[in-house]
Protein backbone atom coordinates (compact mmCIF):
# COMPACT_ATOMS: atom_id res chain seq x y z
CA MET A 1 -2.73 1.91 -2.28
CA PRO A 2 -0.96 1.67 -5.47
CA THR A 3 -2.25 0.52 -8.43
CA HIS A 4 -5.93 0.86 -8.76
CA LEU A 5 -8.23 2.89 -11.13
CA PRO A 6 -11.69 3.04 -10.98
CA SER A 7 -13.67 1.44 -13.77
CA SER A 8 -14.57 4.63 -15.31
CA SER A 9 -10.81 5.11 -15.99
CA PRO A 10 -9.10 4.08 -19.21
CA SER A 11 -6.30 3.02 -17.53
CA HIS A 12 -5.84 0.85 -14.20
CA HIS A 13 -5.61 2.57 -10.79
CA SER A 14 -2.41 0.84 -9.34
CA PHE A 15 0.96 2.45 -9.58
CA SER A 16 2.55 3.29 -12.78
CA GLY A 17 3.16 0.34 -15.02
CA SER A 18 6.04 -0.43 -17.13
CA ARG A 19 6.19 3.27 -17.57
CA LEU A 20 3.30 5.58 -17.57
CA ALA A 21 2.08 6.69 -21.01
CA ALA A 22 4.24 9.54 -22.30
CA THR A 23 1.34 12.05 -21.85
CA LEU A 24 0.72 10.99 -18.28
CA ARG A 25 4.64 11.27 -17.43
CA HIS A 26 4.60 14.74 -18.69
CA ALA A 27 1.59 15.61 -16.67
CA ALA A 28 3.12 14.27 -13.37
CA MET A 29 5.66 16.94 -13.25
CA LEU A 30 5.37 18.74 -10.07
CA VAL A 31 4.69 22.62 -9.93
CA ALA A 32 5.50 24.59 -6.61
CA ILE A 33 2.37 26.89 -6.14
CA GLY A 34 3.94 28.63 -2.86
CA ALA A 35 1.40 27.76 -0.13
CA THR A 36 2.71 26.62 2.94
CA PHE A 37 1.46 25.53 6.47
CA THR A 38 2.75 23.95 9.64
CA ALA A 39 2.46 20.06 10.13
CA HIS A 40 4.67 17.41 11.80
CA GLY A 41 6.27 20.14 13.64
CA ARG A 42 7.50 21.53 10.14
CA THR A 43 6.75 23.82 7.65
CA LEU A 44 4.91 22.29 4.59
CA THR A 45 5.19 23.39 1.13
CA LEU A 46 2.24 22.87 -1.38
CA ILE A 47 3.32 21.29 -4.51
CA GLY A 48 0.70 21.24 -7.29
CA ASP A 49 0.07 18.19 -9.87
CA THR A 50 -0.37 19.36 -13.34
CA ALA A 51 -1.87 15.97 -14.04
CA GLN A 52 -4.91 16.61 -11.95
CA ALA A 53 -7.28 16.37 -14.87
CA ALA A 54 -5.99 12.92 -15.50
CA THR A 55 -6.53 11.56 -12.15
CA THR A 56 -9.83 10.00 -11.24
CA GLN A 57 -11.33 10.68 -7.94
CA ASP A 58 -12.52 7.46 -6.08
CA GLY A 59 -16.13 7.76 -5.69
CA SER A 60 -16.86 4.13 -4.52
CA THR A 61 -18.47 3.20 -1.19
CA ARG A 62 -16.34 1.62 1.68
CA THR A 63 -16.57 -2.11 1.98
CA GLY A 64 -15.49 -3.02 5.35
CA SER A 65 -12.78 -0.51 6.03
CA ARG A 66 -11.25 -0.25 2.49
CA LYS A 67 -11.04 2.22 -0.07
CA LYS A 68 -9.29 2.23 -3.42
CA HIS A 69 -6.14 4.14 -4.14
CA ALA A 70 -3.63 5.07 -6.71
CA THR A 71 -3.55 4.96 -10.49
CA ALA A 72 -2.24 2.46 -12.64
CA PRO A 73 -0.66 2.78 -16.13
CA THR A 74 -1.82 1.44 -19.63
CA PRO A 75 -1.50 -2.38 -19.49
CA ALA A 76 1.83 -3.46 -21.03
CA PRO A 77 2.70 -6.88 -22.98
CA ALA A 78 2.67 -10.18 -20.53
CA PRO A 79 6.46 -10.28 -19.40
CA THR A 80 8.28 -13.39 -20.25
CA PRO A 81 8.20 -15.72 -17.25
CA ALA A 82 11.32 -16.07 -15.19
CA PRO A 83 13.21 -19.26 -15.81
CA THR A 84 13.03 -20.56 -12.14
CA PRO A 85 9.96 -20.20 -10.32
CA THR A 86 11.46 -18.32 -7.49
CA PRO A 87 13.74 -15.46 -8.38
CA ALA A 88 16.77 -14.72 -6.56
CA GLU A 89 16.54 -12.53 -3.52
CA PRO A 90 19.02 -11.37 -0.84
CA ALA A 91 18.66 -13.19 2.53
CA PRO A 92 17.50 -11.25 5.29
CA SER A 93 20.15 -9.31 7.24
CA ALA A 94 20.67 -10.47 10.52
CA ALA A 95 21.42 -7.03 11.78
CA ALA A 96 17.79 -5.81 10.32
CA SER A 97 15.41 -4.72 13.02
CA ARG A 98 11.74 -4.73 13.07
CA GLY A 99 9.84 -1.61 13.81
CA PHE A 100 9.91 1.98 12.66
CA PRO A 101 12.81 3.89 13.94
CA ASN A 102 10.95 7.41 12.96
CA ALA A 103 7.32 7.68 12.97
CA GLY A 104 7.49 10.15 9.90
CA PRO A 105 7.07 12.30 7.80
CA TRP A 106 5.69 9.90 5.44
CA ALA A 107 4.14 9.94 2.06
CA SER A 108 2.56 7.47 -0.45
CA PHE A 109 3.55 7.94 -4.17
CA TYR A 110 2.60 5.53 -6.71
CA GLY A 111 3.88 7.47 -9.67
CA SER A 112 7.12 6.71 -11.14
CA ALA A 113 10.84 7.63 -10.39
CA ASP A 114 11.09 9.77 -13.54
CA SER A 115 8.20 11.87 -12.57
CA ILE A 116 9.61 13.12 -9.20
CA ASP A 117 12.57 14.86 -7.70
CA LEU A 118 13.98 11.37 -6.35
CA PRO A 119 16.74 12.82 -4.11
CA LYS A 120 14.51 15.46 -2.64
CA LEU A 121 11.91 12.73 -1.77
CA ALA A 122 14.62 10.73 -0.03
CA ALA A 123 15.94 13.83 1.70
CA THR A 124 12.11 14.79 2.93
CA TYR A 125 10.48 11.51 4.04
CA ARG A 126 11.20 8.97 6.65
CA ILE A 127 8.84 6.34 5.51
CA LEU A 128 7.97 6.00 1.75
CA ASP A 129 5.08 3.54 0.22
CA ILE A 130 5.65 3.12 -3.20
CA ASP A 131 4.70 0.30 -5.96
CA ALA A 132 7.91 -1.48 -6.41
CA ASP A 133 6.31 -4.25 -8.54
CA PRO A 134 9.12 -4.85 -11.32
CA ASP A 135 6.65 -5.72 -14.07
CA MET A 136 5.28 -1.90 -13.40
CA GLY A 137 8.67 -0.40 -14.05
CA ASN A 138 8.06 2.44 -11.66
CA PHE A 139 11.51 2.19 -9.83
CA SER A 140 14.71 0.13 -10.39
CA VAL A 141 16.71 -1.31 -7.75
CA SER A 142 19.18 1.59 -7.72
CA GLN A 143 16.20 4.11 -7.41
CA ILE A 144 14.78 2.45 -4.56
CA ARG A 145 18.55 2.30 -2.94
CA THR A 146 18.29 5.97 -3.42
CA LEU A 147 15.10 6.40 -1.57
CA LYS A 148 16.28 4.51 1.30
CA ASN A 149 19.26 7.08 1.84
CA GLY A 150 21.88 5.22 3.09
CA GLY A 151 19.36 3.46 5.75
CA ALA A 152 17.80 6.74 7.11
CA ASN A 153 14.55 5.96 5.28
CA LYS A 154 12.28 3.08 5.45
CA VAL A 155 10.75 2.05 1.77
CA LEU A 156 7.65 -0.21 1.72
CA SER A 157 6.12 -1.76 -1.39
CA TYR A 158 2.49 -1.73 -1.95
CA LEU A 159 1.06 -5.33 -1.94
CA ASN A 160 -2.28 -5.75 -2.83
CA LEU A 161 -3.34 -9.16 -0.91
CA GLY A 162 -7.24 -9.17 -1.03
CA SER A 163 -7.67 -8.70 -4.62
CA CYS A 164 -5.77 -9.29 -7.95
CA GLU A 165 -5.63 -6.58 -10.86
CA ASN A 166 -5.45 -7.73 -14.38
CA PHE A 167 -2.80 -5.32 -15.34
CA ARG A 168 -0.48 -6.95 -13.04
CA GLY A 169 2.21 -9.54 -14.83
CA TYR A 170 1.08 -12.47 -12.41
CA TRP A 171 -2.66 -11.98 -13.36
CA SER A 172 -2.00 -14.11 -16.55
CA THR A 173 1.76 -14.72 -16.68
CA VAL A 174 3.65 -17.00 -14.18
CA PRO A 175 6.57 -19.54 -14.16
CA ALA A 176 5.71 -23.44 -13.96
CA GLY A 177 4.52 -24.28 -10.58
CA PHE A 178 2.25 -21.43 -10.15
CA LEU A 179 -1.52 -20.52 -10.87
CA SER A 180 -1.85 -17.16 -12.22
CA CYS A 181 -4.75 -14.88 -10.82
CA ALA A 182 -6.91 -15.42 -13.86
CA ALA A 183 -6.32 -19.03 -13.86
CA ASN A 184 -7.06 -19.86 -10.26
CA LYS A 185 -10.98 -19.74 -10.68
CA ALA A 186 -11.43 -21.21 -7.38
CA ALA A 187 -9.83 -18.55 -5.47
CA GLN A 188 -11.78 -15.83 -7.30
CA LEU A 189 -14.55 -14.12 -5.32
CA GLY A 190 -15.95 -11.71 -7.98
CA THR A 191 -15.24 -8.42 -9.28
CA TYR A 192 -14.43 -5.65 -6.82
CA SER A 193 -17.36 -3.13 -7.09
CA GLY A 194 -16.00 -0.07 -8.72
CA TYR A 195 -13.36 -1.34 -10.36
CA SER A 196 -13.73 -3.63 -13.27
CA ASN A 197 -9.89 -4.28 -13.57
CA GLU A 198 -9.68 -6.02 -10.27
CA VAL A 199 -11.08 -9.25 -8.75
CA TRP A 200 -11.36 -10.21 -4.95
CA MET A 201 -9.39 -13.16 -4.18
CA ASN A 202 -9.71 -15.97 -1.38
CA VAL A 203 -6.60 -15.18 0.58
CA GLY A 204 -7.07 -18.52 2.29
CA ASN A 205 -6.90 -20.58 -1.16
CA ALA A 206 -3.70 -22.57 -1.22
CA GLY A 207 -2.62 -21.92 -4.92
CA TYR A 208 -3.21 -18.18 -4.34
CA GLN A 209 -1.07 -18.33 -1.08
CA ASN A 210 1.76 -20.01 -3.06
CA LEU A 211 1.46 -17.24 -5.65
CA VAL A 212 1.85 -14.53 -3.25
CA ILE A 213 4.52 -16.37 -0.82
CA ASN A 214 6.80 -17.84 -3.53
CA TYR A 215 6.67 -15.62 -6.50
CA ILE A 216 4.79 -12.31 -5.93
CA VAL A 217 6.66 -11.23 -2.50
CA PRO A 218 10.27 -12.59 -3.41
CA ARG A 219 10.31 -10.42 -6.60
CA LEU A 220 9.52 -7.36 -4.53
CA VAL A 221 12.11 -8.19 -1.93
CA ALA A 222 14.53 -8.53 -4.83
CA GLN A 223 14.06 -4.84 -5.51
CA GLY A 224 15.59 -3.90 -2.23
CA VAL A 225 12.37 -2.77 -0.28
CA ASP A 226 12.28 -2.69 3.64
CA GLY A 227 8.81 -3.92 3.85
CA PHE A 228 5.26 -4.26 2.68
CA TYR A 229 1.94 -2.01 2.61
CA PHE A 230 -0.70 -4.94 2.44
CA ASP A 231 -3.89 -3.52 0.90
CA ASN A 232 -7.57 -5.09 0.61
CA MET A 233 -6.97 -7.19 3.37
CA GLU A 234 -10.28 -5.85 4.82
CA ILE A 235 -11.70 -8.84 2.85
CA VAL A 236 -11.20 -10.79 5.95
CA GLU A 237 -13.78 -8.36 7.75
CA HIS A 238 -16.51 -9.12 4.83
CA GLY A 239 -18.29 -12.07 6.18
CA THR A 240 -20.64 -13.75 3.46
CA SER A 241 -23.67 -11.52 3.54
CA THR A 242 -22.05 -9.33 0.84
CA ARG A 243 -21.55 -9.61 -2.90
CA ASN A 244 -18.48 -7.54 -3.06
CA GLY A 245 -15.99 -10.17 -2.05
CA PRO A 246 -17.55 -12.48 0.27
CA CYS A 247 -15.41 -14.06 2.49
CA ASP A 248 -16.20 -17.31 4.98
CA ALA A 249 -14.41 -18.49 7.97
CA GLN A 250 -11.97 -20.41 6.28
CA CYS A 251 -11.18 -17.30 3.86
CA SER A 252 -11.00 -14.99 6.83
CA GLN A 253 -8.62 -17.08 8.92
CA GLY A 254 -6.42 -17.75 5.90
CA GLY A 255 -6.01 -14.42 5.49
CA LEU A 256 -4.47 -14.05 8.91
CA ASP A 257 -2.40 -17.08 8.37
CA LEU A 258 -1.05 -15.78 5.27
CA ILE A 259 0.59 -12.89 7.12
CA ALA A 260 1.78 -15.48 9.51
CA ARG A 261 3.51 -17.63 6.80
CA LEU A 262 5.01 -14.21 5.33
CA ARG A 263 6.48 -13.60 8.68
CA ASP A 264 7.81 -16.96 8.86
CA LYS A 265 9.60 -16.36 5.54
CA TYR A 266 10.63 -12.81 6.24
CA PRO A 267 11.17 -12.11 10.07
CA SER A 268 12.85 -8.76 9.63
CA MET A 269 10.99 -7.05 7.16
CA LEU A 270 8.29 -4.24 7.79
CA PHE A 271 4.64 -5.52 7.63
CA VAL A 272 1.95 -2.44 7.65
CA LEU A 273 -1.70 -3.08 7.32
CA GLN A 274 -3.86 -1.08 5.52
CA ASN A 275 -7.52 -0.25 6.55
CA ALA A 276 -8.31 -3.84 7.84
CA THR A 277 -8.18 -2.39 11.40
CA GLY A 278 -11.39 -3.85 13.13
CA ASN A 279 -11.78 -6.48 15.98
CA THR A 280 -10.93 -9.60 13.23
CA THR A 281 -7.40 -8.46 12.98
CA ARG A 282 -6.86 -6.56 16.38
CA LEU A 283 -8.10 -9.48 18.12
CA GLY A 284 -7.47 -12.25 15.80
CA GLN A 285 -4.74 -15.19 16.08
CA ALA A 286 -2.72 -16.48 13.19
CA THR A 287 -0.82 -19.64 12.71
CA GLY A 288 2.21 -20.24 10.55
CA ALA A 289 5.36 -22.55 10.96
CA ALA A 290 6.29 -20.73 14.08
CA GLY A 291 2.88 -21.66 15.58
CA THR A 292 -0.03 -19.49 16.50
CA VAL A 293 0.49 -16.14 17.56
CA ALA A 294 -1.77 -12.74 18.27
CA PHE A 295 -2.24 -11.59 14.98
CA PRO A 296 -1.05 -7.76 15.73
CA SER A 297 2.39 -9.17 16.82
CA LEU A 298 2.97 -9.90 13.23
CA LEU A 299 2.80 -6.27 12.17
CA ASP A 300 4.76 -3.31 12.66
CA GLY A 301 2.25 -0.88 12.02
CA ILE A 302 -1.23 -0.20 10.70
CA ALA A 303 -2.54 2.83 8.29
CA HIS A 304 -5.83 3.85 7.43
CA GLU A 305 -7.40 5.95 4.39
CA GLU A 306 -9.65 8.79 4.82
CA VAL A 307 -9.77 8.95 8.64
CA PHE A 308 -10.03 12.78 8.80
CA LYS A 309 -10.59 13.87 5.19
CA PRO A 310 -12.71 14.09 2.74
CA VAL A 311 -14.82 13.23 5.89
CA HIS A 312 -14.25 12.50 9.53
CA ASP A 313 -14.86 8.71 9.65
CA THR A 314 -15.33 8.38 13.53
CA SER A 315 -15.48 4.52 13.36
CA ALA A 316 -12.13 4.20 11.58
CA GLU A 317 -10.48 6.81 14.01
CA ALA A 318 -11.82 4.75 16.92
CA GLU A 319 -10.02 1.71 15.53
CA LEU A 320 -6.88 3.31 15.27
CA VAL A 321 -7.22 4.28 19.02
CA SER A 322 -7.91 0.92 19.98
CA TRP A 323 -4.75 -0.41 18.36
CA SER A 324 -2.75 2.58 19.87
CA GLY A 325 -3.92 1.37 23.26
CA MET A 326 -2.43 -2.05 22.99
CA ASN A 327 0.98 -0.42 23.23
CA LEU A 328 2.65 -2.80 20.81
CA MET A 329 6.28 -2.68 20.54
CA PRO A 330 7.62 -4.61 17.33
CA GLY A 331 11.49 -4.82 17.60
CA GLY A 332 11.43 -2.55 20.92
CA ARG A 333 10.12 0.23 18.79
CA LYS A 334 6.89 2.06 19.26
CA PHE A 335 4.09 0.63 16.91
CA TRP A 336 3.39 2.93 13.94
CA ILE A 337 0.00 4.01 12.98
CA GLY A 338 -0.56 6.06 10.08
CA THR A 339 -3.26 8.03 8.61
CA LEU A 340 -3.63 8.61 4.74
CA ASP A 341 -6.30 11.42 3.88
CA TYR A 342 -7.27 13.01 0.88
CA ALA A 343 -7.63 16.64 0.08
CA SER A 344 -9.36 16.29 -3.57
CA SER A 345 -6.64 18.24 -4.86
CA CYS A 346 -3.15 19.47 -3.90
CA SER A 347 -4.43 23.17 -3.95
CA ASN A 348 -6.85 22.40 -0.90
CA THR A 349 -4.50 23.32 1.71
CA ALA A 350 -7.25 23.95 4.20
CA ALA A 351 -8.44 20.40 4.15
CA ALA A 352 -4.79 19.30 4.45
CA GLN A 353 -4.09 21.37 7.45
CA SER A 354 -7.13 20.10 9.21
CA ALA A 355 -6.09 16.54 8.34
CA PHE A 356 -2.60 16.87 9.53
CA GLN A 357 -3.75 18.58 12.94
CA SER A 358 -6.66 16.09 13.63
CA SER A 359 -4.20 13.12 13.21
CA ARG A 360 -1.43 14.54 15.10
CA SER A 361 -3.67 15.33 17.94
CA ARG A 362 -4.49 11.70 18.32
CA GLY A 363 -0.83 10.57 18.20
CA PHE A 364 -0.90 9.31 14.70
CA SER A 365 1.60 9.75 11.72
CA PRO A 366 -0.37 11.69 9.17
CA SER A 367 0.10 12.03 5.53
CA VAL A 368 -2.42 14.02 2.97
CA SER A 369 -2.45 13.25 -0.77
CA ASP A 370 -4.88 14.47 -3.68
CA SER A 371 -7.16 11.47 -4.04
CA SER A 372 -7.42 7.87 -3.52
CA ALA A 373 -7.29 7.13 -7.05
CA GLY A 374 -4.43 9.50 -7.45
CA GLN A 375 -1.22 9.88 -5.65
CA GLN A 376 0.80 10.23 -8.78
CA THR A 377 2.50 13.07 -6.91
CA VAL A 378 3.47 14.26 -3.37
CA CYS A 379 1.36 17.42 -2.73
CA TYR A 380 3.00 18.39 0.97
CA TRP A 381 6.60 18.82 1.37
CA PRO A 382 8.05 19.56 4.98
CA ALA A 383 10.56 22.11 4.45
CA PHE A 384 13.86 21.55 6.52
């Protein structure tokens, strides 16, 4: 859920770009308004966001099982290509282990480091989903290190796999040896309905897979994140009867195999799949260099938006329950299942409390934010 903005918004909806415009940054400052309630076994303190008026609520209909989220900054000038196709990246640590040591609390925050109390964020949350794209400028390597809190926390970067946003640097500017999203016409599957700055991509296309595996992802790894929060992969569930991201059998299987190829390259990093939680992924198989395996074995967790709020999505809840029943144990740790619900605004504590309680009653790890196209602030802070 990072950088995506509804087409009606003047800027894109992904995470903040090179830096959000000064006005949006000032608006993103957090203002405590004193409401508290209990969730995650702790008291939660409500934080209000003065930028509420600048945030656009996502009103688009659900395609497959995916909703949009987060806001994006004003597009910055195209970055200068790196001198080499693949940026330097640290080798995976042999001591690194798959799976989440702690199930929560967790938060999805697509604002910039400058707009939030970073030490407080690191001290409060054990799992954080941010937009670490270096072209967006939200977080520096040292700021991500702060969020990791000496290894106590796991920091994931949002990674849009199923579609490509035109405010990303790699939309048009990539080093030699790669096809940018804009140039790869064969992989484009049409504009994402409701998001005029975003195009569905054929996740089975060889040129697009090369861009993801050998350019986009290495640059995120070099930022120091622990793993990825995959978005828009519900395209593998679309089939060909829709005009909003049609995906045939080759496209669908190619998406599952893309995750397998990423797992081959990054055996120790955390993989979380958002929204694409139906039978296509739960019962699917994927083939990479290591061979063909059950697709769920490639993941460390799943998450789903809007399970309990703003409305109760019983089908999404049932899908998560089915995953829970598989009793997966990546790295010997319990498979992580998160919910990300939206209370419409940070002041709607009644809806937030209901979402927290409903999620926890199912054994899921809950998080609540303002809106799918927002998340420029953290609304609810567990108080220690």
